[in-house]
Amino acid sequence: MFNHIIGQDMVMRKILITVVLIVVSFNALADEDHEHSMQITKLNNAAYSWIDKAKMAYTGVFTGIQDYRGQSCTLRLSLAPNAALTNVQAEKGDKNLCTAATSAAWNTKFPPFPDDATYQMFKSFPLDLNL
């Protein structure tokens, strides 16, 4: 009977150790998920901040934008890592607005990218103008 109690004690210890290992593993995964979430949040914040600054820079040079009310245009902008504009293509839209929007894009000094991840997101992107 004594051996039976010792055997049960060993089984309970193994179960307890297994449970502890599982809990520790889940906590480690939760920490990794939390860290990953924090990285995504940081990236999103950087991206939104860059978008706001880019929008302000672009609208600051686009004079007479109110003259194109009711028109739309989609441009494809390509930027270098230093945020210099390298290419603009009108993809679709009203010709007059697209011409003016392209000119404004070339005259815009886009803000520097805060990091490479933000650059990778915006090195080529559509700019939709629906006025």
N, C-alpha and C. Protein backbone atom coordinates (compact mmCIF):
# COMPACT_ATOMS: atom_id res chain seq x y z
N MET A 1 0.81 -1.19 0.00
CA MET A 1 0.00 0.00 0.00
C MET A 1 0.86 1.26 0.00
N PHE A 2 1.96 1.22 0.71
CA PHE A 2 2.87 2.36 0.76
C PHE A 2 3.41 2.66 -0.63
N ASN A 3 3.77 1.62 -1.40
CA ASN A 3 4.25 1.81 -2.77
C ASN A 3 3.18 2.43 -3.65
N HIS A 4 1.93 2.06 -3.40
CA HIS A 4 0.82 2.60 -4.18
C HIS A 4 0.69 4.10 -3.93
N ILE A 5 0.84 4.56 -2.69
CA ILE A 5 0.77 5.98 -2.35
C ILE A 5 1.93 6.73 -2.98
N ILE A 6 3.13 6.13 -2.92
CA ILE A 6 4.30 6.76 -3.54
C ILE A 6 4.10 6.86 -5.05
N GLY A 7 3.54 5.81 -5.65
CA GLY A 7 3.28 5.82 -7.09
C GLY A 7 2.29 6.91 -7.47
N GLN A 8 1.22 7.09 -6.67
CA GLN A 8 0.24 8.14 -6.92
C GLN A 8 0.88 9.52 -6.75
N ASP A 9 1.76 9.65 -5.75
CA ASP A 9 2.45 10.92 -5.51
C ASP A 9 3.32 11.29 -6.72
N MET A 10 3.99 10.31 -7.28
CA MET A 10 4.85 10.57 -8.46
C MET A 10 3.99 10.98 -9.66
N VAL A 11 2.85 10.32 -9.82
CA VAL A 11 1.95 10.67 -10.92
C VAL A 11 1.44 12.10 -10.74
N MET A 12 1.06 12.44 -9.51
CA MET A 12 0.57 13.80 -9.24
C MET A 12 1.66 14.83 -9.50
N ARG A 13 2.90 14.52 -9.12
CA ARG A 13 4.00 15.45 -9.38
C ARG A 13 4.21 15.65 -10.88
N LYS A 14 4.14 14.57 -11.65
CA LYS A 14 4.30 14.67 -13.10
C LYS A 14 3.18 15.52 -13.71
N ILE A 15 1.97 15.30 -13.22
CA ILE A 15 0.84 16.09 -13.72
C ILE A 15 1.04 17.55 -13.36
N LEU A 16 1.43 17.82 -12.12
CA LEU A 16 1.66 19.19 -11.68
C LEU A 16 2.76 19.86 -12.51
N ILE A 17 3.85 19.15 -12.75
CA ILE A 17 4.95 19.69 -13.56
C ILE A 17 4.46 19.98 -14.98
N THR A 18 3.67 19.08 -15.54
CA THR A 18 3.13 19.28 -16.88
C THR A 18 2.23 20.51 -16.93
N VAL A 19 1.37 20.67 -15.93
CA VAL A 19 0.48 21.82 -15.87
C VAL A 19 1.30 23.10 -15.75
N VAL A 20 2.31 23.10 -14.90
CA VAL A 20 3.16 24.28 -14.74
C VAL A 20 3.84 24.61 -16.05
N LEU A 21 4.36 23.62 -16.76
CA LEU A 21 5.01 23.86 -18.04
C LEU A 21 4.02 24.43 -19.06
N ILE A 22 2.81 23.93 -19.06
CA ILE A 22 1.80 24.44 -19.99
C ILE A 22 1.48 25.90 -19.67
N VAL A 23 1.29 26.21 -18.39
CA VAL A 23 1.00 27.59 -17.98
C VAL A 23 2.15 28.52 -18.35
N VAL A 24 3.37 28.09 -18.10
CA VAL A 24 4.54 28.90 -18.44
C VAL A 24 4.60 29.11 -19.96
N SER A 25 4.31 28.07 -20.72
CA SER A 25 4.32 28.18 -22.19
C SER A 25 3.26 29.15 -22.67
N PHE A 26 2.05 29.05 -22.10
CA PHE A 26 0.99 29.98 -22.48
C PHE A 26 1.34 31.41 -22.11
N ASN A 27 1.96 31.60 -20.96
CA ASN A 27 2.38 32.95 -20.57
C ASN A 27 3.43 33.49 -21.53
N ALA A 28 4.35 32.63 -21.93
CA ALA A 28 5.38 33.06 -22.89
C ALA A 28 4.74 33.43 -24.22
N LEU A 29 3.76 32.63 -24.66
CA LEU A 29 3.06 32.95 -25.91
C LEU A 29 2.27 34.25 -25.78
N ALA A 30 1.64 34.43 -24.63
CA ALA A 30 0.90 35.68 -24.40
C ALA A 30 1.83 36.88 -24.44
N ASP A 31 3.03 36.72 -23.84
CA ASP A 31 4.01 37.81 -23.88
C ASP A 31 4.44 38.10 -25.31
N GLU A 32 4.66 37.02 -26.10
CA GLU A 32 5.03 37.21 -27.51
C GLU A 32 3.90 37.90 -28.27
N ASP A 33 2.64 37.47 -28.02
CA ASP A 33 1.50 38.10 -28.68
C ASP A 33 1.39 39.56 -28.29
N HIS A 34 1.61 39.85 -27.02
CA HIS A 34 1.55 41.23 -26.54
C HIS A 34 2.64 42.06 -27.21
N GLU A 35 3.85 41.50 -27.29
CA GLU A 35 4.96 42.21 -27.93
C GLU A 35 4.64 42.46 -29.41
N HIS A 36 4.08 41.43 -30.08
CA HIS A 36 3.71 41.56 -31.48
C HIS A 36 2.63 42.64 -31.64
N SER A 37 1.65 42.64 -30.75
CA SER A 37 0.60 43.66 -30.79
C SER A 37 1.17 45.05 -30.59
N MET A 38 2.13 45.17 -29.70
CA MET A 38 2.75 46.47 -29.46
C MET A 38 3.51 46.94 -30.70
N GLN A 39 4.19 46.00 -31.38
CA GLN A 39 4.93 46.36 -32.59
C GLN A 39 3.96 46.83 -33.68
N ILE A 40 2.84 46.13 -33.82
CA ILE A 40 1.83 46.52 -34.82
C ILE A 40 1.25 47.88 -34.47
N THR A 41 0.95 48.10 -33.20
CA THR A 41 0.43 49.41 -32.77
C THR A 41 1.42 50.51 -33.07
N LYS A 42 2.69 50.27 -32.78
CA LYS A 42 3.73 51.27 -33.05
C LYS A 42 3.81 51.56 -34.55
N LEU A 43 3.75 50.50 -35.37
CA LEU A 43 3.80 50.66 -36.82
C LEU A 43 2.58 51.43 -37.31
N ASN A 44 1.39 51.08 -36.80
CA ASN A 44 0.18 51.80 -37.20
C ASN A 44 0.26 53.27 -36.82
N ASN A 45 0.74 53.54 -35.62
CA ASN A 45 0.87 54.94 -35.19
C ASN A 45 1.83 55.70 -36.09
N ALA A 46 2.94 55.09 -36.44
CA ALA A 46 3.91 55.73 -37.33
C ALA A 46 3.29 55.96 -38.71
N ALA A 47 2.55 54.98 -39.20
CA ALA A 47 1.93 55.09 -40.52
C ALA A 47 0.88 56.20 -40.53
N TYR A 48 0.01 56.22 -39.52
CA TYR A 48 -1.02 57.26 -39.47
C TYR A 48 -0.41 58.65 -39.32
N SER A 49 0.63 58.73 -38.53
CA SER A 49 1.31 60.02 -38.36
C SER A 49 1.90 60.48 -39.69
N TRP A 50 2.53 59.55 -40.42
CA TRP A 50 3.13 59.91 -41.71
C TRP A 50 2.03 60.33 -42.69
N ILE A 51 0.92 59.60 -42.72
CA ILE A 51 -0.19 59.93 -43.62
C ILE A 51 -0.70 61.34 -43.34
N ASP A 52 -0.89 61.66 -42.07
CA ASP A 52 -1.37 63.00 -41.71
C ASP A 52 -0.41 64.08 -42.19
N LYS A 53 0.88 63.88 -41.99
CA LYS A 53 1.88 64.87 -42.42
C LYS A 53 1.92 64.96 -43.94
N ALA A 54 1.84 63.83 -44.62
CA ALA A 54 1.87 63.83 -46.09
C ALA A 54 0.64 64.54 -46.65
N LYS A 55 -0.51 64.28 -46.04
CA LYS A 55 -1.74 64.93 -46.49
C LYS A 55 -1.64 66.45 -46.32
N MET A 56 -1.12 66.89 -45.19
CA MET A 56 -0.96 68.33 -44.96
C MET A 56 0.01 68.94 -45.97
N ALA A 57 1.10 68.24 -46.25
CA ALA A 57 2.07 68.75 -47.22
C ALA A 57 1.44 68.85 -48.61
N TYR A 58 0.69 67.82 -49.01
CA TYR A 58 0.09 67.79 -50.34
C TYR A 58 -0.99 68.85 -50.48
N THR A 59 -1.89 68.91 -49.52
CA THR A 59 -2.98 69.89 -49.64
C THR A 59 -2.46 71.32 -49.51
N GLY A 60 -1.31 71.48 -48.89
CA GLY A 60 -0.72 72.81 -48.78
C GLY A 60 -0.23 73.37 -50.09
N VAL A 61 0.10 72.51 -51.04
CA VAL A 61 0.58 73.00 -52.34
C VAL A 61 -0.48 72.90 -53.44
N PHE A 62 -1.57 72.21 -53.15
CA PHE A 62 -2.63 72.05 -54.16
C PHE A 62 -3.57 73.25 -54.07
N THR A 63 -3.21 74.30 -54.77
CA THR A 63 -4.04 75.51 -54.76
C THR A 63 -5.21 75.35 -55.73
N GLY A 64 -6.31 75.97 -55.39
CA GLY A 64 -7.48 75.93 -56.26
C GLY A 64 -8.20 74.60 -56.25
N ILE A 65 -7.99 73.80 -55.24
CA ILE A 65 -8.60 72.47 -55.18
C ILE A 65 -10.13 72.56 -55.23
N GLN A 66 -10.70 73.64 -54.69
CA GLN A 66 -12.15 73.82 -54.69
C GLN A 66 -12.72 73.94 -56.11
N ASP A 67 -11.88 74.29 -57.07
CA ASP A 67 -12.34 74.42 -58.46
C ASP A 67 -12.69 73.08 -59.08
N TYR A 68 -12.33 71.99 -58.44
CA TYR A 68 -12.54 70.66 -59.00
C TYR A 68 -13.64 69.89 -58.28
N ARG A 69 -14.49 70.63 -57.57
CA ARG A 69 -15.59 70.01 -56.82
C ARG A 69 -16.41 69.13 -57.75
N GLY A 70 -16.75 67.93 -57.27
CA GLY A 70 -17.54 66.98 -58.06
C GLY A 70 -16.69 66.08 -58.95
N GLN A 71 -15.39 66.31 -58.99
CA GLN A 71 -14.51 65.49 -59.82
C GLN A 71 -13.74 64.48 -58.95
N SER A 72 -13.17 63.51 -59.61
CA SER A 72 -12.36 62.53 -58.89
C SER A 72 -11.15 62.13 -59.73
N CYS A 73 -10.15 61.64 -59.05
CA CYS A 73 -8.92 61.21 -59.71
C CYS A 73 -8.19 60.26 -58.78
N THR A 74 -7.60 59.23 -59.35
CA THR A 74 -6.72 58.33 -58.60
C THR A 74 -5.33 58.40 -59.21
N LEU A 75 -4.38 58.80 -58.38
CA LEU A 75 -2.98 58.83 -58.78
C LEU A 75 -2.24 57.69 -58.11
N ARG A 76 -1.20 57.20 -58.74
CA ARG A 76 -0.30 56.24 -58.11
C ARG A 76 1.00 56.99 -57.87
N LEU A 77 1.37 57.15 -56.59
CA LEU A 77 2.60 57.85 -56.23
C LEU A 77 3.67 56.83 -55.86
N SER A 78 4.88 57.07 -56.30
CA SER A 78 6.03 56.25 -55.93
C SER A 78 7.06 57.15 -55.26
N LEU A 79 7.54 56.71 -54.10
CA LEU A 79 8.48 57.51 -53.33
C LEU A 79 9.77 56.74 -53.08
N ALA A 80 10.86 57.48 -52.99
CA ALA A 80 12.16 56.90 -52.63
C ALA A 80 12.23 56.77 -51.10
N PRO A 81 13.22 56.04 -50.60
CA PRO A 81 13.35 55.91 -49.14
C PRO A 81 13.49 57.25 -48.41
N ASN A 82 13.98 58.28 -49.10
CA ASN A 82 14.09 59.59 -48.46
C ASN A 82 12.80 60.42 -48.64
N ALA A 83 11.75 59.78 -49.12
CA ALA A 83 10.41 60.37 -49.33
C ALA A 83 10.35 61.31 -50.53
N ALA A 84 11.38 61.31 -51.36
CA ALA A 84 11.33 62.10 -52.59
C ALA A 84 10.42 61.38 -53.60
N LEU A 85 9.60 62.15 -54.26
CA LEU A 85 8.70 61.59 -55.27
C LEU A 85 9.51 61.13 -56.48
N THR A 86 9.28 59.89 -56.91
CA THR A 86 10.02 59.36 -58.06
C THR A 86 9.13 59.16 -59.28
N ASN A 87 7.81 59.02 -59.04
CA ASN A 87 6.91 58.81 -60.17
C ASN A 87 5.48 59.12 -59.74
N VAL A 88 4.71 59.63 -60.70
CA VAL A 88 3.28 59.85 -60.51
C VAL A 88 2.58 59.38 -61.76
N GLN A 89 1.54 58.59 -61.60
CA GLN A 89 0.75 58.14 -62.73
C GLN A 89 -0.72 58.36 -62.42
N ALA A 90 -1.44 58.97 -63.34
CA ALA A 90 -2.88 59.08 -63.20
C ALA A 90 -3.47 57.74 -63.62
N GLU A 91 -4.17 57.09 -62.69
CA GLU A 91 -4.74 55.77 -63.00
C GLU A 91 -6.14 55.88 -63.58
N LYS A 92 -6.93 56.84 -63.05
CA LYS A 92 -8.28 57.05 -63.57
C LYS A 92 -8.81 58.36 -63.03
N GLY A 93 -9.80 58.89 -63.72
CA GLY A 93 -10.46 60.08 -63.20
C GLY A 93 -10.58 61.19 -64.23
N ASP A 94 -11.05 62.32 -63.73
CA ASP A 94 -11.24 63.50 -64.57
C ASP A 94 -9.89 64.10 -64.95
N LYS A 95 -9.72 64.33 -66.25
CA LYS A 95 -8.43 64.76 -66.78
C LYS A 95 -7.93 66.06 -66.12
N ASN A 96 -8.78 67.07 -66.00
CA ASN A 96 -8.34 68.36 -65.43
C ASN A 96 -7.86 68.19 -63.99
N LEU A 97 -8.63 67.46 -63.20
CA LEU A 97 -8.23 67.23 -61.81
C LEU A 97 -6.94 66.41 -61.76
N CYS A 98 -6.85 65.37 -62.56
CA CYS A 98 -5.64 64.53 -62.55
C CYS A 98 -4.40 65.32 -62.93
N THR A 99 -4.54 66.23 -63.89
CA THR A 99 -3.41 67.07 -64.30
C THR A 99 -2.97 67.97 -63.15
N ALA A 100 -3.94 68.63 -62.52
CA ALA A 100 -3.62 69.52 -61.40
C ALA A 100 -3.08 68.73 -60.21
N ALA A 101 -3.66 67.56 -59.94
CA ALA A 101 -3.22 66.72 -58.82
C ALA A 101 -1.81 66.20 -59.04
N THR A 102 -1.48 65.88 -60.28
CA THR A 102 -0.13 65.42 -60.61
C THR A 102 0.88 66.54 -60.39
N SER A 103 0.53 67.71 -60.84
CA SER A 103 1.41 68.87 -60.64
C SER A 103 1.62 69.14 -59.15
N ALA A 104 0.55 69.08 -58.38
CA ALA A 104 0.66 69.30 -56.93
C ALA A 104 1.56 68.24 -56.29
N ALA A 105 1.43 67.00 -56.74
CA ALA A 105 2.27 65.93 -56.18
C ALA A 105 3.74 66.21 -56.43
N TRP A 106 4.08 66.64 -57.65
CA TRP A 106 5.48 66.94 -57.96
C TRP A 106 6.02 68.11 -57.15
N ASN A 107 5.14 69.00 -56.74
CA ASN A 107 5.56 70.17 -55.95
C ASN A 107 5.54 69.93 -54.44
N THR A 108 5.09 68.77 -54.03
CA THR A 108 4.99 68.46 -52.60
C THR A 108 6.31 67.94 -52.06
N LYS A 109 6.70 68.46 -50.92
CA LYS A 109 7.86 67.91 -50.19
C LYS A 109 7.27 66.99 -49.12
N PHE A 110 7.27 65.69 -49.44
CA PHE A 110 6.69 64.72 -48.52
C PHE A 110 7.58 64.58 -47.29
N PRO A 111 6.96 64.32 -46.13
CA PRO A 111 7.74 64.20 -44.90
C PRO A 111 8.60 62.94 -44.93
N PRO A 112 9.72 62.94 -44.22
CA PRO A 112 10.56 61.73 -44.19
C PRO A 112 9.80 60.59 -43.51
N PHE A 113 10.12 59.40 -43.92
CA PHE A 113 9.52 58.22 -43.29
C PHE A 113 10.16 58.01 -41.93
N PRO A 114 9.37 57.67 -40.93
CA PRO A 114 9.93 57.48 -39.59
C PRO A 114 10.76 56.21 -39.46
N ASP A 115 10.49 55.24 -40.35
CA ASP A 115 11.23 53.98 -40.30
C ASP A 115 11.04 53.24 -41.63
N ASP A 116 11.79 52.16 -41.80
CA ASP A 116 11.73 51.41 -43.05
C ASP A 116 10.38 50.73 -43.24
N ALA A 117 9.77 50.29 -42.16
CA ALA A 117 8.47 49.62 -42.27
C ALA A 117 7.42 50.57 -42.86
N THR A 118 7.44 51.82 -42.44
CA THR A 118 6.49 52.79 -42.99
C THR A 118 6.82 53.06 -44.46
N TYR A 119 8.10 53.15 -44.78
CA TYR A 119 8.48 53.32 -46.19
C TYR A 119 7.96 52.15 -47.03
N GLN A 120 8.12 50.94 -46.53
CA GLN A 120 7.67 49.77 -47.28
C GLN A 120 6.17 49.82 -47.55
N MET A 121 5.42 50.38 -46.61
CA MET A 121 3.96 50.51 -46.79
C MET A 121 3.60 51.55 -47.84
N PHE A 122 4.40 52.61 -47.93
CA PHE A 122 4.02 53.75 -48.77
C PHE A 122 4.99 54.04 -49.90
N LYS A 123 5.85 53.12 -50.24
CA LYS A 123 6.78 53.40 -51.34
C LYS A 123 6.03 53.52 -52.67
N SER A 124 4.89 52.89 -52.78
CA SER A 124 4.02 53.04 -53.93
C SER A 124 2.58 52.89 -53.42
N PHE A 125 1.77 53.93 -53.61
CA PHE A 125 0.42 53.88 -53.07
C PHE A 125 -0.52 54.71 -53.91
N PRO A 126 -1.80 54.34 -53.89
CA PRO A 126 -2.79 55.15 -54.63
C PRO A 126 -3.21 56.35 -53.79
N LEU A 127 -3.41 57.45 -54.46
CA LEU A 127 -3.95 58.66 -53.83
C LEU A 127 -5.29 58.91 -54.50
N ASP A 128 -6.36 58.68 -53.75
CA ASP A 128 -7.73 58.86 -54.28
C ASP A 128 -8.24 60.23 -53.90
N LEU A 129 -8.58 61.00 -54.90
CA LEU A 129 -9.15 62.33 -54.68
C LEU A 129 -10.61 62.28 -55.16
N ASN A 130 -11.51 62.46 -54.24
CA ASN A 130 -12.94 62.52 -54.56
C ASN A 130 -13.46 63.84 -54.01
N LEU A 131 -13.55 64.81 -54.88
CA LEU A 131 -13.92 66.14 -54.45
C LEU A 131 -15.37 66.35 -54.75
